[in-house]
All heavy atoms as atom14 arrays in JSON, in Angstrom:
{
  "sequence": "ATDSGFEAPDRVPAGLRHIVFENRGTQIHEGMLVKLPDGMRAQDYV",
  "atom14_mask": [
    [1, 1, 1, 1, 1, 0, 0, 0, 0, 0, 0, 0, 0, 0],
    [1, 1, 1, 1, 1, 1, 1, 0, 0, 0, 0, 0, 0, 0],
    [1, 1, 1, 1, 1, 1, 1, 1, 0, 0, 0, 0, 0, 0],
    [1, 1, 1, 1, 1, 1, 0, 0, 0, 0, 0, 0, 0, 0],
    [1, 1, 1, 1, 0, 0, 0, 0, 0, 0, 0, 0, 0, 0],
    [1, 1, 1, 1, 1, 1, 1, 1, 1, 1, 1, 0, 0, 0],
    [1, 1, 1, 1, 1, 1, 1, 1, 1, 0, 0, 0, 0, 0],
    [1, 1, 1, 1, 1, 0, 0, 0, 0, 0, 0, 0, 0, 0],
    [1, 1, 1, 1, 1, 1, 1, 0, 0, 0, 0, 0, 0, 0],
    [1, 1, 1, 1, 1, 1, 1, 1, 0, 0, 0, 0, 0, 0],
    [1, 1, 1, 1, 1, 1, 1, 1, 1, 1, 1, 0, 0, 0],
    [1, 1, 1, 1, 1, 1, 1, 0, 0, 0, 0, 0, 0, 0],
    [1, 1, 1, 1, 1, 1, 1, 0, 0, 0, 0, 0, 0, 0],
    [1, 1, 1, 1, 1, 0, 0, 0, 0, 0, 0, 0, 0, 0],
    [1, 1, 1, 1, 0, 0, 0, 0, 0, 0, 0, 0, 0, 0],
    [1, 1, 1, 1, 1, 1, 1, 1, 0, 0, 0, 0, 0, 0],
    [1, 1, 1, 1, 1, 1, 1, 1, 1, 1, 1, 0, 0, 0],
    [1, 1, 1, 1, 1, 1, 1, 1, 1, 1, 0, 0, 0, 0],
    [1, 1, 1, 1, 1, 1, 1, 1, 0, 0, 0, 0, 0, 0],
    [1, 1, 1, 1, 1, 1, 1, 0, 0, 0, 0, 0, 0, 0],
    [1, 1, 1, 1, 1, 1, 1, 1, 1, 1, 1, 0, 0, 0],
    [1, 1, 1, 1, 1, 1, 1, 1, 1, 0, 0, 0, 0, 0],
    [1, 1, 1, 1, 1, 1, 1, 1, 0, 0, 0, 0, 0, 0],
    [1, 1, 1, 1, 1, 1, 1, 1, 1, 1, 1, 0, 0, 0],
    [1, 1, 1, 1, 0, 0, 0, 0, 0, 0, 0, 0, 0, 0],
    [1, 1, 1, 1, 1, 1, 1, 0, 0, 0, 0, 0, 0, 0],
    [1, 1, 1, 1, 1, 1, 1, 1, 1, 0, 0, 0, 0, 0],
    [1, 1, 1, 1, 1, 1, 1, 1, 0, 0, 0, 0, 0, 0],
    [1, 1, 1, 1, 1, 1, 1, 1, 1, 1, 0, 0, 0, 0],
    [1, 1, 1, 1, 1, 1, 1, 1, 1, 0, 0, 0, 0, 0],
    [1, 1, 1, 1, 0, 0, 0, 0, 0, 0, 0, 0, 0, 0],
    [1, 1, 1, 1, 1, 1, 1, 1, 0, 0, 0, 0, 0, 0],
    [1, 1, 1, 1, 1, 1, 1, 1, 0, 0, 0, 0, 0, 0],
    [1, 1, 1, 1, 1, 1, 1, 0, 0, 0, 0, 0, 0, 0],
    [1, 1, 1, 1, 1, 1, 1, 1, 1, 0, 0, 0, 0, 0],
    [1, 1, 1, 1, 1, 1, 1, 1, 0, 0, 0, 0, 0, 0],
    [1, 1, 1, 1, 1, 1, 1, 0, 0, 0, 0, 0, 0, 0],
    [1, 1, 1, 1, 1, 1, 1, 1, 0, 0, 0, 0, 0, 0],
    [1, 1, 1, 1, 0, 0, 0, 0, 0, 0, 0, 0, 0, 0],
    [1, 1, 1, 1, 1, 1, 1, 1, 0, 0, 0, 0, 0, 0],
    [1, 1, 1, 1, 1, 1, 1, 1, 1, 1, 1, 0, 0, 0],
    [1, 1, 1, 1, 1, 0, 0, 0, 0, 0, 0, 0, 0, 0],
    [1, 1, 1, 1, 1, 1, 1, 1, 1, 0, 0, 0, 0, 0],
    [1, 1, 1, 1, 1, 1, 1, 1, 0, 0, 0, 0, 0, 0],
    [1, 1, 1, 1, 1, 1, 1, 1, 1, 1, 1, 1, 0, 0],
    [1, 1, 1, 1, 1, 1, 1, 0, 0, 0, 0, 0, 0, 0]
  ],
  "atom14_positions": [
    [[16.28, -58.57, -31.36], [14.86, -58.26, -31.53], [14.52, -58.25, -33.02], [15.26, -57.69, -33.83], [14.54, -56.91, -30.91], [0.0, 0.0, 0.0], [0.0, 0.0, 0.0], [0.0, 0.0, 0.0], [0.0, 0.0, 0.0], [0.0, 0.0, 0.0], [0.0, 0.0, 0.0], [0.0, 0.0, 0.0], [0.0, 0.0, 0.0], [0.0, 0.0, 0.0]],
    [[13.41, -58.89, -33.37], [12.87, -58.83, -34.73], [11.41, -58.4, -34.62], [10.85, -58.32, -33.51], [12.97, -60.19, -35.44], [12.03, -61.11, -34.84], [14.37, -60.79, -35.34], [0.0, 0.0, 0.0], [0.0, 0.0, 0.0], [0.0, 0.0, 0.0], [0.0, 0.0, 0.0], [0.0, 0.0, 0.0], [0.0, 0.0, 0.0], [0.0, 0.0, 0.0]],
    [[10.78, -58.18, -35.75], [9.37, -57.76, -35.71], [8.44, -58.9, -35.31], [7.27, -58.65, -34.99], [8.96, -57.19, -37.07], [9.67, -55.89, -37.39], [10.18, -55.24, -36.45], [9.73, -55.51, -38.58], [0.0, 0.0, 0.0], [0.0, 0.0, 0.0], [0.0, 0.0, 0.0], [0.0, 0.0, 0.0], [0.0, 0.0, 0.0], [0.0, 0.0, 0.0]],
    [[8.94, -60.13, -35.3], [8.1, -61.27, -34.92], [8.41, -61.79, -33.52], [7.64, -62.58, -32.97], [8.25, -62.41, -35.93], [9.59, -62.86, -35.99], [0.0, 0.0, 0.0], [0.0, 0.0, 0.0], [0.0, 0.0, 0.0], [0.0, 0.0, 0.0], [0.0, 0.0, 0.0], [0.0, 0.0, 0.0], [0.0, 0.0, 0.0], [0.0, 0.0, 0.0]],
    [[9.52, -61.38, -32.94], [9.88, -61.88, -31.62], [11.35, -61.68, -31.34], [12.0, -60.81, -31.92], [0.0, 0.0, 0.0], [0.0, 0.0, 0.0], [0.0, 0.0, 0.0], [0.0, 0.0, 0.0], [0.0, 0.0, 0.0], [0.0, 0.0, 0.0], [0.0, 0.0, 0.0], [0.0, 0.0, 0.0], [0.0, 0.0, 0.0], [0.0, 0.0, 0.0]],
    [[11.88, -62.51, -30.43], [13.26, -62.38, -29.99], [14.05, -63.67, -30.27], [13.5, -64.77, -30.22], [13.33, -62.11, -28.49], [12.66, -60.84, -28.07], [11.35, -60.85, -27.62], [13.34, -59.63, -28.11], [10.72, -59.68, -27.22], [12.72, -58.46, -27.72], [11.41, -58.48, -27.28], [0.0, 0.0, 0.0], [0.0, 0.0, 0.0], [0.0, 0.0, 0.0]],
    [[15.34, -63.49, -30.53], [16.28, -64.6, -30.6], [17.24, -64.42, -29.43], [17.92, -63.4, -29.33], [17.04, -64.59, -31.92], [16.14, -64.72, -33.15], [16.9, -64.49, -34.44], [18.15, -64.37, -34.39], [16.26, -64.41, -35.51], [0.0, 0.0, 0.0], [0.0, 0.0, 0.0], [0.0, 0.0, 0.0], [0.0, 0.0, 0.0], [0.0, 0.0, 0.0]],
    [[17.28, -65.42, -28.54], [18.1, -65.29, -27.33], [18.31, -66.67, -26.73], [17.59, -67.62, -27.05], [17.41, -64.37, -26.32], [0.0, 0.0, 0.0], [0.0, 0.0, 0.0], [0.0, 0.0, 0.0], [0.0, 0.0, 0.0], [0.0, 0.0, 0.0], [0.0, 0.0, 0.0], [0.0, 0.0, 0.0], [0.0, 0.0, 0.0], [0.0, 0.0, 0.0]],
    [[19.3, -66.83, -25.83], [19.51, -68.11, -25.16], [18.3, -68.54, -24.34], [17.49, -67.7, -23.91], [20.72, -67.84, -24.26], [21.41, -66.67, -24.87], [20.32, -65.84, -25.46], [0.0, 0.0, 0.0], [0.0, 0.0, 0.0], [0.0, 0.0, 0.0], [0.0, 0.0, 0.0], [0.0, 0.0, 0.0], [0.0, 0.0, 0.0], [0.0, 0.0, 0.0]],
    [[18.19, -69.85, -24.13], [17.13, -70.39, -23.29], [17.53, -70.47, -21.82], [16.67, -70.58, -20.95], [16.73, -71.79, -23.77], [16.16, -71.78, -25.17], [15.5, -70.78, -25.52], [16.39, -72.75, -25.92], [0.0, 0.0, 0.0], [0.0, 0.0, 0.0], [0.0, 0.0, 0.0], [0.0, 0.0, 0.0], [0.0, 0.0, 0.0], [0.0, 0.0, 0.0]],
    [[18.85, -70.46, -21.56], [19.37, -70.57, -20.2], [20.47, -69.52, -20.01], [21.33, -69.35, -20.88], [19.93, -71.97, -19.91], [18.87, -73.06, -19.82], [19.49, -74.44, -19.98], [20.49, -74.72, -18.96], [20.22, -75.21, -17.75], [18.96, -75.46, -17.43], [21.18, -75.46, -16.88], [0.0, 0.0, 0.0], [0.0, 0.0, 0.0], [0.0, 0.0, 0.0]],
    [[20.45, -68.87, -18.86], [21.42, -67.82, -18.55], [21.85, -68.01, -17.09], [21.0, -68.22, -16.23], [20.8, -66.42, -18.75], [21.78, -65.33, -18.36], [20.33, -66.24, -20.18], [0.0, 0.0, 0.0], [0.0, 0.0, 0.0], [0.0, 0.0, 0.0], [0.0, 0.0, 0.0], [0.0, 0.0, 0.0], [0.0, 0.0, 0.0], [0.0, 0.0, 0.0]],
    [[23.15, -67.92, -16.78], [23.57, -68.03, -15.38], [23.17, -66.8, -14.58], [23.14, -65.68, -15.11], [25.1, -68.18, -15.48], [25.45, -67.6, -16.81], [24.29, -67.85, -17.71], [0.0, 0.0, 0.0], [0.0, 0.0, 0.0], [0.0, 0.0, 0.0], [0.0, 0.0, 0.0], [0.0, 0.0, 0.0], [0.0, 0.0, 0.0], [0.0, 0.0, 0.0]],
    [[22.87, -67.01, -13.31], [22.47, -65.92, -12.43], [23.66, -64.99, -12.18], [24.82, -65.36, -12.34], [21.94, -66.47, -11.12], [0.0, 0.0, 0.0], [0.0, 0.0, 0.0], [0.0, 0.0, 0.0], [0.0, 0.0, 0.0], [0.0, 0.0, 0.0], [0.0, 0.0, 0.0], [0.0, 0.0, 0.0], [0.0, 0.0, 0.0], [0.0, 0.0, 0.0]],
    [[23.35, -63.76, -11.78], [24.38, -62.79, -11.45], [24.24, -61.53, -12.28], [23.2, -61.27, -12.88], [0.0, 0.0, 0.0], [0.0, 0.0, 0.0], [0.0, 0.0, 0.0], [0.0, 0.0, 0.0], [0.0, 0.0, 0.0], [0.0, 0.0, 0.0], [0.0, 0.0, 0.0], [0.0, 0.0, 0.0], [0.0, 0.0, 0.0], [0.0, 0.0, 0.0]],
    [[25.3, -60.75, -12.31], [25.32, -59.53, -13.11], [25.66, -59.9, -14.54], [26.76, -60.37, -14.83], [26.36, -58.55, -12.56], [26.41, -57.18, -13.23], [25.12, -56.4, -12.95], [27.62, -56.39, -12.76], [0.0, 0.0, 0.0], [0.0, 0.0, 0.0], [0.0, 0.0, 0.0], [0.0, 0.0, 0.0], [0.0, 0.0, 0.0], [0.0, 0.0, 0.0]],
    [[24.69, -59.72, -15.45], [24.86, -60.15, -16.83], [25.14, -58.97, -17.75], [24.51, -57.92, -17.65], [23.59, -60.87, -17.34], [23.28, -62.2, -16.71], [24.11, -63.35, -17.28], [25.51, -63.23, -16.98], [26.05, -63.53, -15.79], [25.3, -63.99, -14.83], [27.35, -63.38, -15.6], [0.0, 0.0, 0.0], [0.0, 0.0, 0.0], [0.0, 0.0, 0.0]],
    [[26.08, -59.21, -18.66], [26.36, -58.27, -19.74], [25.39, -58.58, -20.88], [25.42, -59.68, -21.43], [27.81, -58.43, -20.21], [28.16, -57.59, -21.4], [29.17, -57.94, -22.27], [27.64, -56.43, -21.88], [29.27, -57.04, -23.22], [28.35, -56.11, -23.02], [0.0, 0.0, 0.0], [0.0, 0.0, 0.0], [0.0, 0.0, 0.0], [0.0, 0.0, 0.0]],
    [[24.53, -57.64, -21.21], [23.52, -57.84, -22.25], [23.88, -57.01, -23.48], [24.16, -55.81, -23.37], [22.11, -57.44, -21.74], [21.7, -58.34, -20.57], [21.09, -57.53, -22.87], [20.36, -57.96, -19.96], [0.0, 0.0, 0.0], [0.0, 0.0, 0.0], [0.0, 0.0, 0.0], [0.0, 0.0, 0.0], [0.0, 0.0, 0.0], [0.0, 0.0, 0.0]],
    [[23.88, -57.67, -24.62], [23.99, -56.98, -25.9], [22.65, -57.14, -26.6], [22.19, -58.27, -26.82], [25.13, -57.57, -26.77], [25.13, -56.91, -28.15], [26.48, -57.37, -26.09], [0.0, 0.0, 0.0], [0.0, 0.0, 0.0], [0.0, 0.0, 0.0], [0.0, 0.0, 0.0], [0.0, 0.0, 0.0], [0.0, 0.0, 0.0], [0.0, 0.0, 0.0]],
    [[22.01, -56.02, -26.9], [20.67, -56.03, -27.48], [20.73, -55.41, -28.86], [21.15, -54.27, -29.04], [19.71, -55.23, -26.59], [18.26, -55.3, -27.0], [17.52, -56.45, -26.8], [17.63, -54.2, -27.57], [16.17, -56.51, -27.16], [16.3, -54.24, -27.93], [15.57, -55.41, -27.73], [0.0, 0.0, 0.0], [0.0, 0.0, 0.0], [0.0, 0.0, 0.0]],
    [[20.29, -56.16, -29.85], [20.4, -55.76, -31.25], [19.02, -55.75, -31.88], [18.27, -56.72, -31.77], [21.31, -56.74, -31.97], [21.54, -56.46, -33.43], [22.42, -57.52, -34.08], [22.9, -58.44, -33.37], [22.61, -57.44, -35.31], [0.0, 0.0, 0.0], [0.0, 0.0, 0.0], [0.0, 0.0, 0.0], [0.0, 0.0, 0.0], [0.0, 0.0, 0.0]],
    [[18.66, -54.67, -32.55], [17.36, -54.56, -33.21], [17.54, -54.82, -34.7], [18.03, -53.96, -35.44], [16.74, -53.19, -32.98], [15.32, -53.1, -33.55], [14.83, -54.03, -34.19], [14.66, -51.98, -33.32], [0.0, 0.0, 0.0], [0.0, 0.0, 0.0], [0.0, 0.0, 0.0], [0.0, 0.0, 0.0], [0.0, 0.0, 0.0], [0.0, 0.0, 0.0]],
    [[17.09, -56.0, -35.16], [17.13, -56.33, -36.57], [15.76, -56.2, -37.23], [15.55, -56.64, -38.36], [17.64, -57.76, -36.76], [19.09, -57.96, -36.33], [19.56, -59.37, -36.61], [20.88, -59.64, -36.03], [21.43, -60.85, -35.97], [20.78, -61.89, -36.47], [22.62, -61.0, -35.42], [0.0, 0.0, 0.0], [0.0, 0.0, 0.0], [0.0, 0.0, 0.0]],
    [[14.83, -55.59, -36.52], [13.49, -55.4, -37.07], [13.38, -54.11, -37.86], [14.36, -53.4, -38.07], [0.0, 0.0, 0.0], [0.0, 0.0, 0.0], [0.0, 0.0, 0.0], [0.0, 0.0, 0.0], [0.0, 0.0, 0.0], [0.0, 0.0, 0.0], [0.0, 0.0, 0.0], [0.0, 0.0, 0.0], [0.0, 0.0, 0.0], [0.0, 0.0, 0.0]],
    [[12.16, -53.81, -38.26], [11.89, -52.57, -39.0], [11.18, -51.54, -38.11], [10.86, -50.44, -38.56], [11.01, -52.85, -40.23], [9.74, -53.38, -39.79], [11.68, -53.85, -41.16], [0.0, 0.0, 0.0], [0.0, 0.0, 0.0], [0.0, 0.0, 0.0], [0.0, 0.0, 0.0], [0.0, 0.0, 0.0], [0.0, 0.0, 0.0], [0.0, 0.0, 0.0]],
    [[10.91, -51.92, -36.85], [10.23, -51.05, -35.91], [11.1, -50.87, -34.67], [12.05, -51.61, -34.45], [8.88, -51.65, -35.5], [7.96, -51.98, -36.67], [6.73, -52.73, -36.2], [6.05, -52.31, -35.27], [6.44, -53.84, -36.85], [0.0, 0.0, 0.0], [0.0, 0.0, 0.0], [0.0, 0.0, 0.0], [0.0, 0.0, 0.0], [0.0, 0.0, 0.0]],
    [[10.74, -49.89, -33.84], [11.43, -49.69, -32.57], [11.03, -50.82, -31.62], [9.86, -51.18, -31.51], [11.09, -48.32, -31.97], [11.71, -47.21, -32.82], [11.56, -48.21, -30.53], [11.35, -45.81, -32.37], [0.0, 0.0, 0.0], [0.0, 0.0, 0.0], [0.0, 0.0, 0.0], [0.0, 0.0, 0.0], [0.0, 0.0, 0.0], [0.0, 0.0, 0.0]],
    [[12.02, -51.38, -30.92], [11.77, -52.46, -29.96], [12.52, -52.19, -28.66], [13.45, -51.37, -28.61], [12.21, -53.81, -30.52], [11.41, -54.28, -31.69], [10.09, -54.65, -31.58], [11.74, -54.43, -33.0], [9.63, -55.02, -32.77], [10.61, -54.89, -33.66], [0.0, 0.0, 0.0], [0.0, 0.0, 0.0], [0.0, 0.0, 0.0], [0.0, 0.0, 0.0]],
    [[12.1, -52.89, -27.61], [12.82, -52.89, -26.34], [12.84, -54.33, -25.81], [12.18, -55.21, -26.39], [12.14, -51.96, -25.32], [10.74, -52.39, -24.92], [10.08, -51.43, -23.94], [10.58, -50.29, -23.77], [9.07, -51.81, -23.31], [0.0, 0.0, 0.0], [0.0, 0.0, 0.0], [0.0, 0.0, 0.0], [0.0, 0.0, 0.0], [0.0, 0.0, 0.0]],
    [[13.59, -54.56, -24.74], [13.72, -55.92, -24.22], [13.56, -55.98, -22.72], [14.56, -56.15, -21.99], [0.0, 0.0, 0.0], [0.0, 0.0, 0.0], [0.0, 0.0, 0.0], [0.0, 0.0, 0.0], [0.0, 0.0, 0.0], [0.0, 0.0, 0.0], [0.0, 0.0, 0.0], [0.0, 0.0, 0.0], [0.0, 0.0, 0.0], [0.0, 0.0, 0.0]],
    [[12.34, -55.85, -22.22], [12.09, -55.94, -20.79], [12.29, -57.38, -20.3], [11.74, -58.33, -20.87], [10.65, -55.5, -20.49], [10.18, -55.81, -19.07], [11.02, -54.84, -17.81], [10.16, -53.27, -17.99], [0.0, 0.0, 0.0], [0.0, 0.0, 0.0], [0.0, 0.0, 0.0], [0.0, 0.0, 0.0], [0.0, 0.0, 0.0], [0.0, 0.0, 0.0]],
    [[13.1, -57.55, -19.25], [13.25, -58.85, -18.6], [12.24, -58.91, -17.46], [12.22, -58.05, -16.58], [14.67, -59.02, -18.04], [15.84, -58.72, -18.98], [17.17, -59.03, -18.27], [15.73, -59.5, -20.27], [0.0, 0.0, 0.0], [0.0, 0.0, 0.0], [0.0, 0.0, 0.0], [0.0, 0.0, 0.0], [0.0, 0.0, 0.0], [0.0, 0.0, 0.0]],
    [[11.41, -59.93, -17.47], [10.37, -60.09, -16.45], [10.53, -61.45, -15.79], [10.56, -62.49, -16.48], [8.95, -59.98, -17.05], [7.9, -60.17, -15.96], [8.76, -58.64, -17.76], [0.0, 0.0, 0.0], [0.0, 0.0, 0.0], [0.0, 0.0, 0.0], [0.0, 0.0, 0.0], [0.0, 0.0, 0.0], [0.0, 0.0, 0.0], [0.0, 0.0, 0.0]],
    [[10.64, -61.47, -14.46], [10.7, -62.72, -13.71], [9.29, -63.14, -13.34], [8.53, -62.37, -12.72], [11.54, -62.57, -12.44], [11.75, -63.87, -11.69], [12.6, -63.67, -10.43], [12.8, -64.99, -9.7], [13.54, -64.79, -8.43], [0.0, 0.0, 0.0], [0.0, 0.0, 0.0], [0.0, 0.0, 0.0], [0.0, 0.0, 0.0], [0.0, 0.0, 0.0]],
    [[8.92, -64.37, -13.72], [7.57, -64.86, -13.48], [7.46, -65.5, -12.1], [8.39, -66.17, -11.65], [7.19, -65.9, -14.55], [7.32, -65.44, -16.01], [6.96, -66.58, -16.95], [6.44, -64.21, -16.27], [0.0, 0.0, 0.0], [0.0, 0.0, 0.0], [0.0, 0.0, 0.0], [0.0, 0.0, 0.0], [0.0, 0.0, 0.0], [0.0, 0.0, 0.0]],
    [[6.33, -65.32, -11.41], [6.16, -65.99, -10.12], [5.95, -67.49, -10.31], [5.63, -67.95, -11.41], [4.9, -65.32, -9.57], [4.13, -64.9, -10.77], [5.16, -64.52, -11.81], [0.0, 0.0, 0.0], [0.0, 0.0, 0.0], [0.0, 0.0, 0.0], [0.0, 0.0, 0.0], [0.0, 0.0, 0.0], [0.0, 0.0, 0.0], [0.0, 0.0, 0.0]],
    [[6.13, -68.24, -9.23], [5.93, -69.69, -9.29], [4.52, -69.99, -9.81], [3.53, -69.4, -9.35], [6.09, -70.31, -7.9], [7.54, -70.26, -7.42], [8.43, -70.07, -8.28], [7.76, -70.4, -6.2], [0.0, 0.0, 0.0], [0.0, 0.0, 0.0], [0.0, 0.0, 0.0], [0.0, 0.0, 0.0], [0.0, 0.0, 0.0], [0.0, 0.0, 0.0]],
    [[4.45, -70.91, -10.77], [3.16, -71.33, -11.31], [2.69, -70.53, -12.5], [1.72, -70.93, -13.16], [0.0, 0.0, 0.0], [0.0, 0.0, 0.0], [0.0, 0.0, 0.0], [0.0, 0.0, 0.0], [0.0, 0.0, 0.0], [0.0, 0.0, 0.0], [0.0, 0.0, 0.0], [0.0, 0.0, 0.0], [0.0, 0.0, 0.0], [0.0, 0.0, 0.0]],
    [[3.33, -69.4, -12.78], [2.94, -68.6, -13.94], [3.8, -68.98, -15.14], [5.02, -69.0, -15.05], [3.06, -67.1, -13.67], [2.67, -66.23, -14.87], [2.87, -64.44, -14.61], [1.42, -64.08, -13.59], [0.0, 0.0, 0.0], [0.0, 0.0, 0.0], [0.0, 0.0, 0.0], [0.0, 0.0, 0.0], [0.0, 0.0, 0.0], [0.0, 0.0, 0.0]],
    [[3.15, -69.28, -16.26], [3.86, -69.57, -17.5], [3.89, -68.33, -18.37], [3.16, -67.37, -18.13], [3.16, -70.71, -18.24], [3.04, -72.02, -17.45], [2.04, -72.94, -18.12], [0.72, -72.34, -18.2], [-0.3, -72.84, -18.89], [-0.14, -73.98, -19.57], [-1.47, -72.22, -18.93], [0.0, 0.0, 0.0], [0.0, 0.0, 0.0], [0.0, 0.0, 0.0]],
    [[4.74, -68.37, -19.38], [4.84, -67.22, -20.28], [3.48, -66.89, -20.88], [3.09, -65.71, -20.96], [5.85, -67.51, -21.39], [0.0, 0.0, 0.0], [0.0, 0.0, 0.0], [0.0, 0.0, 0.0], [0.0, 0.0, 0.0], [0.0, 0.0, 0.0], [0.0, 0.0, 0.0], [0.0, 0.0, 0.0], [0.0, 0.0, 0.0], [0.0, 0.0, 0.0]],
    [[2.72, -67.92, -21.28], [1.42, -67.67, -21.9], [0.42, -67.09, -20.89], [-0.5, -66.35, -21.28], [0.86, -68.94, -22.55], [0.78, -70.17, -21.65], [1.99, -71.06, -21.77], [3.12, -70.59, -21.81], [1.73, -72.37, -21.85], [0.0, 0.0, 0.0], [0.0, 0.0, 0.0], [0.0, 0.0, 0.0], [0.0, 0.0, 0.0], [0.0, 0.0, 0.0]],
    [[0.59, -67.4, -19.61], [-0.28, -66.81, -18.59], [-0.02, -65.31, -18.46], [-0.96, -64.51, -18.32], [-0.04, -67.48, -17.23], [-0.34, -68.98, -17.25], [-1.24, -69.39, -18.0], [0.34, -69.72, -16.52], [0.0, 0.0, 0.0], [0.0, 0.0, 0.0], [0.0, 0.0, 0.0], [0.0, 0.0, 0.0], [0.0, 0.0, 0.0], [0.0, 0.0, 0.0]],
    [[1.25, -64.94, -18.49], [1.62, -63.53, -18.41], [1.05, -62.77, -19.6], [0.45, -61.7, -19.45], [3.15, -63.39, -18.36], [3.63, -61.98, -18.2], [3.94, -61.46, -16.93], [3.82, -61.14, -19.3], [4.39, -60.16, -16.78], [4.27, -59.84, -19.15], [4.55, -59.35, -17.89], [5.0, -58.07, -17.75], [0.0, 0.0, 0.0], [0.0, 0.0, 0.0]],
    [[1.23, -63.33, -20.78], [0.73, -62.68, -21.99], [-0.79, -62.55, -21.95], [-1.35, -61.52, -22.34], [1.19, -63.44, -23.24], [0.53, -62.88, -24.5], [2.71, -63.39, -23.38], [0.0, 0.0, 0.0], [0.0, 0.0, 0.0], [0.0, 0.0, 0.0], [0.0, 0.0, 0.0], [0.0, 0.0, 0.0], [0.0, 0.0, 0.0], [0.0, 0.0, 0.0]]
  ]
}
């Protein structure tokens, strides 16, 4: 996590994933994973 966004893989295999979350920003951040419904793009969610 940075103050401008996230750096992360574009593809991840399904299943139980081990997540390492690192905050390199100057503010408090979190990393909610959200599954989008069919037809919804990231910009639609935002």
